Amino acid sequence: MEDGKKKIWICLLTVVLAAILIGVIYYYSAPREQGAEGFLIRETGEESYAF
């Protein structure tokens, strides 16, 4: 039983470390925005809604 618990902990630790690694890679590879403030782009023209 102890061997099974050890394998589960190793598996969970591997999954958590992989998630952290993927998050760090994503964070540093995401393009940076130049301004700190966001902006909205309004499309010109007539809006149509489907009912």
C-alpha atoms as a PDB file:
ATOM      1  CA  MET A   1       0.000   0.000   0.000  1.00  0.00           C
ATOM      2  CA  GLU A   2       2.852   2.393   0.760  1.00  0.00           C
ATOM      3  CA  ASP A   3       4.319   1.865  -2.701  1.00  0.00           C
ATOM      4  CA  GLY A   4       1.008   2.862  -4.301  1.00  0.00           C
ATOM      5  CA  LYS A   5       0.746   6.054  -2.240  1.00  0.00           C
ATOM      6  CA  LYS A   6       4.300   6.971  -3.150  1.00  0.00           C
ATOM      7  CA  LYS A   7       3.545   6.549  -6.853  1.00  0.00           C
ATOM      8  CA  ILE A   8       0.431   8.722  -6.558  1.00  0.00           C
ATOM      9  CA  TRP A   9       2.382  11.492  -4.827  1.00  0.00           C
ATOM     10  CA  ILE A  10       5.113  11.361  -7.466  1.00  0.00           C
ATOM     11  CA  CYS A  11       2.491  11.527 -10.219  1.00  0.00           C
ATOM     12  CA  LEU A  12       0.712  14.497  -8.603  1.00  0.00           C
ATOM     13  CA  LEU A  13       3.995  16.308  -8.049  1.00  0.00           C
ATOM     14  CA  THR A  14       4.933  15.763 -11.705  1.00  0.00           C
ATOM     15  CA  VAL A  15       1.581  17.135 -12.889  1.00  0.00           C
ATOM     16  CA  VAL A  16       1.841  20.214 -10.658  1.00  0.00           C
ATOM     17  CA  LEU A  17       5.414  20.944 -11.721  1.00  0.00           C
ATOM     18  CA  ALA A  18       4.472  20.523 -15.395  1.00  0.00           C
ATOM     19  CA  ALA A  19       1.569  22.965 -14.952  1.00  0.00           C
ATOM     20  CA  ILE A  20       3.859  25.514 -13.301  1.00  0.00           C
ATOM     21  CA  LEU A  21       6.453  25.114 -16.044  1.00  0.00           C
ATOM     22  CA  ILE A  22       3.837  25.549 -18.787  1.00  0.00           C
ATOM     23  CA  GLY A  23       2.465  28.639 -17.022  1.00  0.00           C
ATOM     24  CA  VAL A  24       5.906  30.225 -16.741  1.00  0.00           C
ATOM     25  CA  ILE A  25       6.677  29.518 -20.399  1.00  0.00           C
ATOM     26  CA  TYR A  26       3.318  30.972 -21.444  1.00  0.00           C
ATOM     27  CA  TYR A  27       3.808  34.063 -19.261  1.00  0.00           C
ATOM     28  CA  TYR A  28       7.197  34.885 -20.726  1.00  0.00           C
ATOM     29  CA  SER A  29       6.262  34.071 -24.334  1.00  0.00           C
ATOM     30  CA  ALA A  30       3.027  36.128 -24.376  1.00  0.00           C
ATOM     31  CA  PRO A  31       3.406  39.430 -26.256  1.00  0.00           C
ATOM     32  CA  ARG A  32       3.636  42.492 -24.052  1.00  0.00           C
ATOM     33  CA  GLU A  33       1.268  45.430 -24.502  1.00  0.00           C
ATOM     34  CA  GLN A  34       2.949  48.813 -24.709  1.00  0.00           C
ATOM     35  CA  GLY A  35       0.406  50.820 -22.727  1.00  0.00           C
ATOM     36  CA  ALA A  36      -0.813  50.030 -19.266  1.00  0.00           C
ATOM     37  CA  GLU A  37      -4.336  51.167 -20.150  1.00  0.00           C
ATOM     38  CA  GLY A  38      -6.639  49.234 -22.412  1.00  0.00           C
ATOM     39  CA  PHE A  39      -8.817  50.623 -25.151  1.00  0.00           C
ATOM     40  CA  LEU A  40     -11.971  49.662 -26.973  1.00  0.00           C
ATOM     41  CA  ILE A  41     -12.325  49.519 -30.727  1.00  0.00           C
ATOM     42  CA  ARG A  42     -15.773  50.428 -31.960  1.00  0.00           C
ATOM     43  CA  GLU A  43     -16.675  49.086 -35.363  1.00  0.00           C
ATOM     44  CA  THR A  44     -18.295  51.644 -37.629  1.00  0.00           C
ATOM     45  CA  GLY A  45     -21.472  50.727 -39.397  1.00  0.00           C
ATOM     46  CA  GLU A  46     -24.854  49.335 -38.573  1.00  0.00           C
ATOM     47  CA  GLU A  47     -25.195  46.710 -35.903  1.00  0.00           C
ATOM     48  CA  SER A  48     -27.483  43.781 -36.504  1.00  0.00           C
ATOM     49  CA  TYR A  49     -28.841  41.360 -33.963  1.00  0.00           C
ATOM     50  CA  ALA A  50     -30.195  37.894 -34.649  1.00  0.00           C
ATOM     51  CA  PHE A  51     -33.393  37.033 -32.817  1.00  0.00           C
END
